Amino acid sequence: MAQPVLLYKSKLNNRGQTMFTKQNSRDRALEMVDEGLVSAEAMLTMALKYMSTDDVEDMLDCNELSERFDATYEESLDA
């Protein structure tokens, strides 16, 4: 039987009262992959389809995976 999905986690505040905080959705997505509920490829596909092309371009650039970090691209600019 599958485990229930926790949307909120409880914790005690500084007065000993129980507080509920919403779980980070990024952490939940990674947990779903770790638990085998969805494949990494399916999660990636879902994320890319949800993001705009500008978001994807920015993500690639921030992670130095865009064409401006490709040595052949830089060589073509020098020519």
PDB file of N, CA and C in Angstrom:
ATOM      1  N   MET A   1       0.837  -1.178   0.000  1.00  0.00           N
ATOM      2  CA  MET A   1       0.000   0.000   0.000  1.00  0.00           C
ATOM      3  C   MET A   1       0.886   1.247   0.000  1.00  0.00           C
ATOM      4  N   ALA A   2       0.543   2.231  -0.805  1.00  0.00           N
ATOM      5  CA  ALA A   2       1.333   3.450  -0.911  1.00  0.00           C
ATOM      6  C   ALA A   2       1.204   4.278   0.361  1.00  0.00           C
ATOM      7  N   GLN A   3       2.283   4.970   0.685  1.00  0.00           N
ATOM      8  CA  GLN A   3       2.262   5.829   1.863  1.00  0.00           C
ATOM      9  C   GLN A   3       1.487   7.099   1.553  1.00  0.00           C
ATOM     10  N   PRO A   4       0.830   7.686   2.548  1.00  0.00           N
ATOM     11  CA  PRO A   4       0.082   8.914   2.311  1.00  0.00           C
ATOM     12  C   PRO A   4       1.018  10.068   1.967  1.00  0.00           C
ATOM     13  N   VAL A   5       0.530  10.979   1.173  1.00  0.00           N
ATOM     14  CA  VAL A   5       1.298  12.153   0.778  1.00  0.00           C
ATOM     15  C   VAL A   5       1.143  13.204   1.871  1.00  0.00           C
ATOM     16  N   LEU A   6       2.267  13.649   2.425  1.00  0.00           N
ATOM     17  CA  LEU A   6       2.228  14.680   3.456  1.00  0.00           C
ATOM     18  C   LEU A   6       2.366  16.049   2.812  1.00  0.00           C
ATOM     19  N   LEU A   7       1.328  16.858   2.932  1.00  0.00           N
ATOM     20  CA  LEU A   7       1.390  18.202   2.394  1.00  0.00           C
ATOM     21  C   LEU A   7       1.861  19.200   3.443  1.00  0.00           C
ATOM     22  N   TYR A   8       1.664  18.860   4.702  1.00  0.00           N
ATOM     23  CA  TYR A   8       2.059  19.742   5.787  1.00  0.00           C
ATOM     24  C   TYR A   8       2.847  18.954   6.816  1.00  0.00           C
ATOM     25  N   LYS A   9       3.870  19.564   7.380  1.00  0.00           N
ATOM     26  CA  LYS A   9       4.659  18.943   8.433  1.00  0.00           C
ATOM     27  C   LYS A   9       4.400  19.720   9.716  1.00  0.00           C
ATOM     28  N   SER A  10       4.300  19.004  10.815  1.00  0.00           N
ATOM     29  CA  SER A  10       4.087  19.687  12.088  1.00  0.00           C
ATOM     30  C   SER A  10       5.417  19.883  12.794  1.00  0.00           C
ATOM     31  N   LYS A  11       5.514  20.956  13.550  1.00  0.00           N
ATOM     32  CA  LYS A  11       6.689  21.212  14.375  1.00  0.00           C
ATOM     33  C   LYS A  11       6.245  22.085  15.540  1.00  0.00           C
ATOM     34  N   LEU A  12       7.034  22.083  16.588  1.00  0.00           N
ATOM     35  CA  LEU A  12       6.712  22.886  17.758  1.00  0.00           C
ATOM     36  C   LEU A  12       7.364  24.256  17.632  1.00  0.00           C
ATOM     37  N   ASN A  13       6.600  25.298  17.948  1.00  0.00           N
ATOM     38  CA  ASN A  13       7.196  26.629  17.961  1.00  0.00           C
ATOM     39  C   ASN A  13       7.865  26.863  19.302  1.00  0.00           C
ATOM     40  N   ASN A  14       8.383  28.066  19.515  1.00  0.00           N
ATOM     41  CA  ASN A  14       9.137  28.331  20.744  1.00  0.00           C
ATOM     42  C   ASN A  14       8.252  28.362  21.987  1.00  0.00           C
ATOM     43  N   ARG A  15       6.929  28.319  21.841  1.00  0.00           N
ATOM     44  CA  ARG A  15       6.024  28.269  22.988  1.00  0.00           C
ATOM     45  C   ARG A  15       5.485  26.863  23.228  1.00  0.00           C
ATOM     46  N   GLY A  16       6.005  25.884  22.491  1.00  0.00           N
ATOM     47  CA  GLY A  16       5.560  24.519  22.660  1.00  0.00           C
ATOM     48  C   GLY A  16       4.264  24.205  21.935  1.00  0.00           C
ATOM     49  N   GLN A  17       3.792  25.126  21.118  1.00  0.00           N
ATOM     50  CA  GLN A  17       2.561  24.908  20.372  1.00  0.00           C
ATOM     51  C   GLN A  17       2.887  24.250  19.036  1.00  0.00           C
ATOM     52  N   THR A  18       1.985  23.415  18.570  1.00  0.00           N
ATOM     53  CA  THR A  18       2.180  22.742  17.293  1.00  0.00           C
ATOM     54  C   THR A  18       1.866  23.701  16.159  1.00  0.00           C
ATOM     55  N   MET A  19       2.786  23.780  15.204  1.00  0.00           N
ATOM     56  CA  MET A  19       2.598  24.605  14.014  1.00  0.00           C
ATOM     57  C   MET A  19       2.677  23.688  12.803  1.00  0.00           C
ATOM     58  N   PHE A  20       1.972  24.035  11.768  1.00  0.00           N
ATOM     59  CA  PHE A  20       2.012  23.255  10.540  1.00  0.00           C
ATOM     60  C   PHE A  20       2.627  24.116   9.449  1.00  0.00           C
ATOM     61  N   THR A  21       3.622  23.571   8.783  1.00  0.00           N
ATOM     62  CA  THR A  21       4.270  24.278   7.692  1.00  0.00           C
ATOM     63  C   THR A  21       4.102  23.467   6.419  1.00  0.00           C
ATOM     64  N   LYS A  22       3.871  24.166   5.333  1.00  0.00           N
ATOM     65  CA  LYS A  22       3.696  23.492   4.048  1.00  0.00           C
ATOM     66  C   LYS A  22       5.033  22.920   3.586  1.00  0.00           C
ATOM     67  N   GLN A  23       5.005  21.686   3.099  1.00  0.00           N
ATOM     68  CA  GLN A  23       6.217  21.030   2.611  1.00  0.00           C
ATOM     69  C   GLN A  23       6.680  21.696   1.316  1.00  0.00           C
ATOM     70  N   ASN A  24       7.981  21.819   1.156  1.00  0.00           N
ATOM     71  CA  ASN A  24       8.570  22.389  -0.046  1.00  0.00           C
ATOM     72  C   ASN A  24       8.228  21.495  -1.238  1.00  0.00           C
ATOM     73  N   SER A  25       7.614  22.071  -2.253  1.00  0.00           N
ATOM     74  CA  SER A  25       7.177  21.293  -3.412  1.00  0.00           C
ATOM     75  C   SER A  25       8.351  20.698  -4.187  1.00  0.00           C
ATOM     76  N   ARG A  26       9.485  21.372  -4.192  1.00  0.00           N
ATOM     77  CA  ARG A  26      10.668  20.819  -4.866  1.00  0.00           C
ATOM     78  C   ARG A  26      11.138  19.550  -4.157  1.00  0.00           C
ATOM     79  N   ASP A  27      11.165  19.621  -2.813  1.00  0.00           N
ATOM     80  CA  ASP A  27      11.553  18.437  -2.046  1.00  0.00           C
ATOM     81  C   ASP A  27      10.585  17.296  -2.293  1.00  0.00           C
ATOM     82  N   ARG A  28       9.291  17.598  -2.359  1.00  0.00           N
ATOM     83  CA  ARG A  28       8.285  16.558  -2.582  1.00  0.00           C
ATOM     84  C   ARG A  28       8.479  15.917  -3.958  1.00  0.00           C
ATOM     85  N   ALA A  29       8.764  16.719  -4.976  1.00  0.00           N
ATOM     86  CA  ALA A  29       8.983  16.175  -6.316  1.00  0.00           C
ATOM     87  C   ALA A  29      10.176  15.226  -6.319  1.00  0.00           C
ATOM     88  N   LEU A  30      11.267  15.611  -5.640  1.00  0.00           N
ATOM     89  CA  LEU A  30      12.447  14.745  -5.563  1.00  0.00           C
ATOM     90  C   LEU A  30      12.150  13.478  -4.765  1.00  0.00           C
ATOM     91  N   GLU A  31      11.370  13.603  -3.699  1.00  0.00           N
ATOM     92  CA  GLU A  31      10.973  12.432  -2.918  1.00  0.00           C
ATOM     93  C   GLU A  31      10.160  11.457  -3.768  1.00  0.00           C
ATOM     94  N   MET A  32       9.273  11.993  -4.604  1.00  0.00           N
ATOM     95  CA  MET A  32       8.452  11.139  -5.457  1.00  0.00           C
ATOM     96  C   MET A  32       9.328  10.317  -6.406  1.00  0.00           C
ATOM     97  N   VAL A  33      10.389  10.946  -6.917  1.00  0.00           N
ATOM     98  CA  VAL A  33      11.326  10.221  -7.787  1.00  0.00           C
ATOM     99  C   VAL A  33      12.084   9.183  -6.969  1.00  0.00           C
ATOM    100  N   ASP A  34      12.580   9.582  -5.789  1.00  0.00           N
ATOM    101  CA  ASP A  34      13.320   8.653  -4.925  1.00  0.00           C
ATOM    102  C   ASP A  34      12.479   7.451  -4.519  1.00  0.00           C
ATOM    103  N   GLU A  35      11.186   7.688  -4.281  1.00  0.00           N
ATOM    104  CA  GLU A  35      10.281   6.618  -3.852  1.00  0.00           C
ATOM    105  C   GLU A  35       9.792   5.763  -5.015  1.00  0.00           C
ATOM    106  N   GLY A  36      10.151   6.142  -6.244  1.00  0.00           N
ATOM    107  CA  GLY A  36       9.756   5.367  -7.408  1.00  0.00           C
ATOM    108  C   GLY A  36       8.320   5.601  -7.847  1.00  0.00           C
ATOM    109  N   LEU A  37       7.694   6.671  -7.338  1.00  0.00           N
ATOM    110  CA  LEU A  37       6.323   6.979  -7.737  1.00  0.00           C
ATOM    111  C   LEU A  37       6.262   7.526  -9.157  1.00  0.00           C
ATOM    112  N   VAL A  38       7.348   8.132  -9.594  1.00  0.00           N
ATOM    113  CA  VAL A  38       7.464   8.671 -10.952  1.00  0.00           C
ATOM    114  C   VAL A  38       8.941   8.593 -11.338  1.00  0.00           C
ATOM    115  N   SER A  39       9.207   8.344 -12.601  1.00  0.00           N
ATOM    116  CA  SER A  39      10.603   8.248 -13.041  1.00  0.00           C
ATOM    117  C   SER A  39      11.219   9.642 -13.146  1.00  0.00           C
ATOM    118  N   ALA A  40      12.530   9.695 -13.067  1.00  0.00           N
ATOM    119  CA  ALA A  40      13.239  10.965 -13.205  1.00  0.00           C
ATOM    120  C   ALA A  40      12.966  11.573 -14.581  1.00  0.00           C
ATOM    121  N   GLU A  41      12.911  10.719 -15.601  1.00  0.00           N
ATOM    122  CA  GLU A  41      12.645  11.210 -16.957  1.00  0.00           C
ATOM    123  C   GLU A  41      11.247  11.809 -17.061  1.00  0.00           C
ATOM    124  N   ALA A  42      10.261  11.165 -16.443  1.00  0.00           N
ATOM    125  CA  ALA A  42       8.894  11.694 -16.477  1.00  0.00           C
ATOM    126  C   ALA A  42       8.809  13.022 -15.721  1.00  0.00           C
ATOM    127  N   MET A  43       9.489  13.111 -14.562  1.00  0.00           N
ATOM    128  CA  MET A  43       9.473  14.354 -13.786  1.00  0.00           C
ATOM    129  C   MET A  43      10.139  15.479 -14.570  1.00  0.00           C
ATOM    130  N   LEU A  44      11.253  15.173 -15.239  1.00  0.00           N
ATOM    131  CA  LEU A  44      11.945  16.170 -16.057  1.00  0.00           C
ATOM    132  C   LEU A  44      11.043  16.639 -17.195  1.00  0.00           C
ATOM    133  N   THR A  45      10.385  15.704 -17.858  1.00  0.00           N
ATOM    134  CA  THR A  45       9.480  16.049 -18.954  1.00  0.00           C
ATOM    135  C   THR A  45       8.348  16.946 -18.463  1.00  0.00           C
ATOM    136  N   MET A  46       7.771  16.607 -17.314  1.00  0.00           N
ATOM    137  CA  MET A  46       6.695  17.426 -16.754  1.00  0.00           C
ATOM    138  C   MET A  46       7.191  18.839 -16.443  1.00  0.00           C
ATOM    139  N   ALA A  47       8.372  18.930 -15.844  1.00  0.00           N
ATOM    140  CA  ALA A  47       8.920  20.237 -15.479  1.00  0.00           C
ATOM    141  C   ALA A  47       9.205  21.080 -16.722  1.00  0.00           C
ATOM    142  N   LEU A  48       9.815  20.460 -17.737  1.00  0.00           N
ATOM    143  CA  LEU A  48      10.137  21.214 -18.956  1.00  0.00           C
ATOM    144  C   LEU A  48       8.889  21.661 -19.703  1.00  0.00           C
ATOM    145  N   LYS A  49       7.857  20.829 -19.708  1.00  0.00           N
ATOM    146  CA  LYS A  49       6.608  21.217 -20.367  1.00  0.00           C
ATOM    147  C   LYS A  49       5.916  22.347 -19.624  1.00  0.00           C
ATOM    148  N   TYR A  50       6.086  22.392 -18.312  1.00  0.00           N
ATOM    149  CA  TYR A  50       5.458  23.428 -17.503  1.00  0.00           C
ATOM    150  C   TYR A  50       6.175  24.770 -17.654  1.00  0.00           C
ATOM    151  N   MET A  51       7.504  24.723 -17.792  1.00  0.00           N
ATOM    152  CA  MET A  51       8.311  25.939 -17.868  1.00  0.00           C
ATOM    153  C   MET A  51       8.193  26.587 -19.249  1.00  0.00           C
ATOM    154  N   SER A  52       8.345  27.912 -19.274  1.00  0.00           N
ATOM    155  CA  SER A  52       8.382  28.604 -20.560  1.00  0.00           C
ATOM    156  C   SER A  52       9.753  28.359 -21.195  1.00  0.00           C
ATOM    157  N   THR A  53       9.859  28.633 -22.490  1.00  0.00           N
ATOM    158  CA  THR A  53      11.153  28.456 -23.148  1.00  0.00           C
ATOM    159  C   THR A  53      12.190  29.411 -22.560  1.00  0.00           C
ATOM    160  N   ASP A  54      11.756  30.595 -22.142  1.00  0.00           N
ATOM    161  CA  ASP A  54      12.684  31.528 -21.489  1.00  0.00           C
ATOM    162  C   ASP A  54      13.178  30.961 -20.157  1.00  0.00           C
ATOM    163  N   ASP A  55      12.285  30.313 -19.399  1.00  0.00           N
ATOM    164  CA  ASP A  55      12.681  29.683 -18.135  1.00  0.00           C
ATOM    165  C   ASP A  55      13.717  28.594 -18.382  1.00  0.00           C
ATOM    166  N   VAL A  56      13.487  27.772 -19.385  1.00  0.00           N
ATOM    167  CA  VAL A  56      14.409  26.673 -19.701  1.00  0.00           C
ATOM    168  C   VAL A  56      15.749  27.242 -20.144  1.00  0.00           C
ATOM    169  N   GLU A  57      15.720  28.262 -20.986  1.00  0.00           N
ATOM    170  CA  GLU A  57      16.959  28.886 -21.452  1.00  0.00           C
ATOM    171  C   GLU A  57      17.750  29.457 -20.276  1.00  0.00           C
ATOM    172  N   ASP A  58      17.069  30.124 -19.355  1.00  0.00           N
ATOM    173  CA  ASP A  58      17.715  30.695 -18.179  1.00  0.00           C
ATOM    174  C   ASP A  58      18.293  29.600 -17.279  1.00  0.00           C
ATOM    175  N   MET A  59      17.548  28.515 -17.100  1.00  0.00           N
ATOM    176  CA  MET A  59      18.018  27.405 -16.273  1.00  0.00           C
ATOM    177  C   MET A  59      19.286  26.791 -16.865  1.00  0.00           C
ATOM    178  N   LEU A  60      19.293  26.582 -18.177  1.00  0.00           N
ATOM    179  CA  LEU A  60      20.480  26.035 -18.838  1.00  0.00           C
ATOM    180  C   LEU A  60      21.663  26.982 -18.696  1.00  0.00           C
ATOM    181  N   ASP A  61      21.417  28.272 -18.864  1.00  0.00           N
ATOM    182  CA  ASP A  61      22.471  29.267 -18.765  1.00  0.00           C
ATOM    183  C   ASP A  61      23.028  29.343 -17.337  1.00  0.00           C
ATOM    184  N   CYS A  62      22.150  29.320 -16.349  1.00  0.00           N
ATOM    185  CA  CYS A  62      22.590  29.387 -14.943  1.00  0.00           C
ATOM    186  C   CYS A  62      23.437  28.183 -14.558  1.00  0.00           C
ATOM    187  N   ASN A  63      23.207  27.074 -15.221  1.00  0.00           N
ATOM    188  CA  ASN A  63      23.959  25.853 -14.938  1.00  0.00           C
ATOM    189  C   ASN A  63      25.085  25.626 -15.946  1.00  0.00           C
ATOM    190  N   GLU A  64      25.405  26.676 -16.696  1.00  0.00           N
ATOM    191  CA  GLU A  64      26.484  26.660 -17.679  1.00  0.00           C
ATOM    192  C   GLU A  64      26.331  25.539 -18.697  1.00  0.00           C
ATOM    193  N   LEU A  65      25.092  25.310 -19.122  1.00  0.00           N
ATOM    194  CA  LEU A  65      24.806  24.301 -20.131  1.00  0.00           C
ATOM    195  C   LEU A  65      24.315  24.911 -21.437  1.00  0.00           C
ATOM    196  N   SER A  66      24.215  26.227 -21.482  1.00  0.00           N
ATOM    197  CA  SER A  66      23.752  26.886 -22.701  1.00  0.00           C
ATOM    198  C   SER A  66      24.884  26.957 -23.719  1.00  0.00           C
ATOM    199  N   GLU A  67      24.521  27.320 -24.937  1.00  0.00           N
ATOM    200  CA  GLU A  67      25.525  27.320 -26.017  1.00  0.00           C
ATOM    201  C   GLU A  67      26.643  28.325 -25.775  1.00  0.00           C
ATOM    202  N   ARG A  68      26.415  29.352 -24.983  1.00  0.00           N
ATOM    203  CA  ARG A  68      27.486  30.327 -24.757  1.00  0.00           C
ATOM    204  C   ARG A  68      28.640  29.742 -23.948  1.00  0.00           C
ATOM    205  N   PHE A  69      28.431  28.586 -23.319  1.00  0.00           N
ATOM    206  CA  PHE A  69      29.498  27.922 -22.586  1.00  0.00           C
ATOM    207  C   PHE A  69      30.157  26.823 -23.411  1.00  0.00           C
ATOM    208  N   ASP A  70      29.714  26.666 -24.653  1.00  0.00           N
ATOM    209  CA  ASP A  70      30.266  25.659 -25.553  1.00  0.00           C
ATOM    210  C   ASP A  70      31.481  26.253 -26.255  1.00  0.00           C
ATOM    211  N   ALA A  71      32.594  25.564 -26.235  1.00  0.00           N
ATOM    212  CA  ALA A  71      33.839  26.073 -26.820  1.00  0.00           C
ATOM    213  C   ALA A  71      33.685  26.337 -28.307  1.00  0.00           C
ATOM    214  N   THR A  72      32.953  25.496 -29.032  1.00  0.00           N
ATOM    215  CA  THR A  72      32.787  25.710 -30.475  1.00  0.00           C
ATOM    216  C   THR A  72      31.964  26.955 -30.738  1.00  0.00           C
ATOM    217  N   TYR A  73      31.039  27.292 -29.853  1.00  0.00           N
ATOM    218  CA  TYR A  73      30.250  28.522 -30.005  1.00  0.00           C
ATOM    219  C   TYR A  73      31.149  29.741 -29.849  1.00  0.00           C
ATOM    220  N   GLU A  74      32.051  29.718 -28.849  1.00  0.00           N
ATOM    221  CA  GLU A  74      32.959  30.828 -28.638  1.00  0.00           C
ATOM    222  C   GLU A  74      33.908  30.993 -29.828  1.00  0.00           C
ATOM    223  N   GLU A  75      34.370  29.874 -30.394  1.00  0.00           N
ATOM    224  CA  GLU A  75      35.263  29.931 -31.541  1.00  0.00           C
ATOM    225  C   GLU A  75      34.557  30.545 -32.749  1.00  0.00           C
ATOM    226  N   SER A  76      33.268  30.287 -32.902  1.00  0.00           N
ATOM    227  CA  SER A  76      32.529  30.843 -34.028  1.00  0.00           C
ATOM    228  C   SER A  76      32.358  32.359 -33.884  1.00  0.00           C
ATOM    229  N   LEU A  77      32.343  32.863 -32.644  1.00  0.00           N
ATOM    230  CA  LEU A  77      32.231  34.295 -32.422  1.00  0.00           C
ATOM    231  C   LEU A  77      33.537  35.007 -32.741  1.00  0.00           C
ATOM    232  N   ASP A  78      34.662  34.320 -32.535  1.00  0.00           N
ATOM    233  CA  ASP A  78      35.978  34.900 -32.784  1.00  0.00           C
ATOM    234  C   ASP A  78      36.260  35.018 -34.282  1.00  0.00           C
ATOM    235  N   ALA A  79      35.624  34.212 -35.093  1.00  0.00           N
ATOM    236  CA  ALA A  79      35.927  34.182 -36.532  1.00  0.00           C
ATOM    237  C   ALA A  79      35.370  35.384 -37.253  1.00  0.00           C
TER     238      ALA A  79
END
